[in-house]
């Protein structure tokens, strides 16, 4: 079972057709994948430093996801994008990630046509 997103096509599909939620430190893009598990990808830009700093941030994000995994909704492709100044504290990122993923899942549960309707 492959739980990582690696193909550019998958990332492009999530960014273009998925939904997103954000806070001060993290942006979570998500899209249903029809599988009984989540697949995870990262988009960590050079503004976070060199390769060593970016890889460390990805390891911290992976650990934060691992800690929250049993409590998270399943069946989504997710791309995590840390913002500039993102803390490298696993607990802070885990709480942020769980909250944002629940927001994305709630928005995805509502059909897009319902989101675009204007209330009367």
Protein backbone atom coordinates (compact mmCIF):
# COMPACT_ATOMS: atom_id res chain seq x y z
CA UNK A 1 0.00 0.00 0.00
CA UNK A 2 1.60 3.26 -1.16
CA UNK A 3 0.57 6.19 1.03
CA UNK A 4 2.74 8.82 -0.66
CA UNK A 5 1.97 11.09 -3.58
CA UNK A 6 4.88 11.35 -5.97
CA UNK A 7 3.51 11.98 -9.47
CA UNK A 8 3.26 15.56 -10.70
CA UNK A 9 -0.12 14.70 -12.23
CA UNK A 10 -1.52 13.83 -8.79
CA UNK A 11 -0.25 17.10 -7.31
CA UNK A 12 -1.68 19.11 -10.21
CA UNK A 13 -5.07 17.41 -9.85
CA UNK A 14 -5.23 18.16 -6.13
CA UNK A 15 -4.20 21.79 -6.59
CA UNK A 16 -6.67 22.37 -9.45
CA UNK A 17 -9.71 20.29 -8.47
CA UNK A 18 -9.29 19.87 -4.72
CA UNK A 19 -10.21 22.05 -1.77
CA UNK A 20 -7.93 23.75 0.74
CA UNK A 21 -7.86 25.01 4.31
CA UNK A 22 -5.13 27.11 5.91
CA UNK A 23 -3.91 28.60 9.13
CA UNK A 24 -0.81 30.59 10.10
CA UNK A 25 1.64 27.74 9.63
CA UNK A 26 0.17 25.27 7.16
CA UNK A 27 -2.03 24.88 4.07
CA UNK A 28 -3.74 21.52 3.50
CA UNK A 29 -5.02 20.76 0.00
CA UNK A 30 -7.26 17.71 -0.28
CA UNK A 31 -9.31 15.67 -2.69
CA UNK A 32 -11.18 12.35 -2.28
CA UNK A 33 -9.23 9.40 -3.68
CA UNK A 34 -11.75 6.54 -3.41
CA UNK A 35 -9.30 4.45 -1.38
CA UNK A 36 -9.66 3.28 2.23
CA UNK A 37 -6.54 5.24 3.22
CA UNK A 38 -5.02 8.69 2.75
CA UNK A 39 -2.11 9.46 0.44
CA UNK A 40 0.21 12.26 1.46
CA UNK A 41 2.46 14.66 -0.46
CA UNK A 42 4.51 17.72 0.45
CA UNK A 43 5.26 20.96 -1.36
CA UNK A 44 8.09 22.61 0.58
CA UNK A 45 9.55 25.57 -1.27
CA UNK A 46 13.06 26.97 -1.19
CA UNK A 47 11.92 29.82 1.05
CA UNK A 48 12.27 27.33 3.90
CA UNK A 49 16.01 27.03 3.37
CA UNK A 50 18.36 24.57 1.77
CA UNK A 51 17.75 20.89 1.15
CA UNK A 52 18.65 19.92 4.72
CA UNK A 53 16.11 22.35 6.21
CA UNK A 54 13.38 21.36 3.73
CA UNK A 55 13.92 17.64 4.34
CA UNK A 56 13.82 18.18 8.10
CA UNK A 57 10.52 20.04 7.75
CA UNK A 58 9.12 17.16 5.69
CA UNK A 59 10.22 14.65 8.34
CA UNK A 60 8.53 16.72 11.05
CA UNK A 61 5.33 16.95 8.97
CA UNK A 62 5.40 13.19 8.34
CA UNK A 63 5.73 12.54 12.07
CA UNK A 64 2.91 14.98 12.87
CA UNK A 65 0.71 13.13 10.36
CA UNK A 66 1.68 9.76 11.83
CA UNK A 67 0.66 10.89 15.31
CA UNK A 68 -2.77 12.07 14.10
CA UNK A 69 -3.42 9.30 11.58
CA UNK A 70 -5.82 7.14 13.66
CA UNK A 71 -8.06 10.14 14.37
CA UNK A 72 -8.15 11.57 10.85
CA UNK A 73 -10.81 10.98 8.20
CA UNK A 74 -9.58 8.51 5.58
CA UNK A 75 -9.94 8.36 1.79
CA UNK A 76 -8.22 11.58 0.71
CA UNK A 77 -5.21 12.65 -1.29
CA UNK A 78 -3.50 15.41 0.70
CA UNK A 79 -0.78 17.90 -0.08
CA UNK A 80 0.72 19.77 2.86
CA UNK A 81 2.29 23.14 2.15
CA UNK A 82 4.10 24.77 5.08
CA UNK A 83 4.03 28.54 5.20
CA UNK A 84 7.03 30.78 5.82
CA UNK A 85 7.88 30.72 9.50
CA UNK A 86 6.24 27.33 10.01
CA UNK A 87 7.28 25.96 13.42
CA UNK A 88 9.15 22.66 13.50
CA UNK A 89 7.31 21.51 16.62
CA UNK A 90 5.61 18.18 15.94
CA UNK A 91 2.77 18.71 18.43
CA UNK A 92 1.84 22.15 17.09
CA UNK A 93 1.87 20.88 13.52
CA UNK A 94 -0.11 17.77 14.44
CA UNK A 95 -2.90 19.83 15.99
CA UNK A 96 -2.91 22.27 13.08
CA UNK A 97 -2.93 19.46 10.51
CA UNK A 98 -5.80 17.59 12.21
CA UNK A 99 -7.93 20.71 12.38
CA UNK A 100 -7.26 21.66 8.77
CA UNK A 101 -7.87 18.16 7.43
CA UNK A 102 -11.22 18.02 9.19
CA UNK A 103 -12.12 21.36 7.58
CA UNK A 104 -11.15 20.08 4.13
CA UNK A 105 -13.10 16.84 4.68
CA UNK A 106 -16.19 18.80 5.77
CA UNK A 107 -16.04 21.00 2.67
CA UNK A 108 -15.51 17.98 0.42
CA UNK A 109 -18.55 16.26 1.93
CA UNK A 110 -20.74 19.04 0.53
CA UNK A 111 -21.21 18.89 -3.27
CA UNK A 112 -19.57 21.76 -5.13
CA UNK A 113 -22.91 22.90 -6.58
CA UNK A 114 -24.19 23.45 -3.03
CA UNK A 115 -21.10 25.53 -2.16
CA UNK A 116 -21.68 27.84 -5.13
CA UNK A 117 -25.37 28.46 -4.42
CA UNK A 118 -26.14 31.80 -2.84
CA UNK A 119 -28.34 31.74 0.25
CA UNK A 120 -31.71 33.40 -0.14
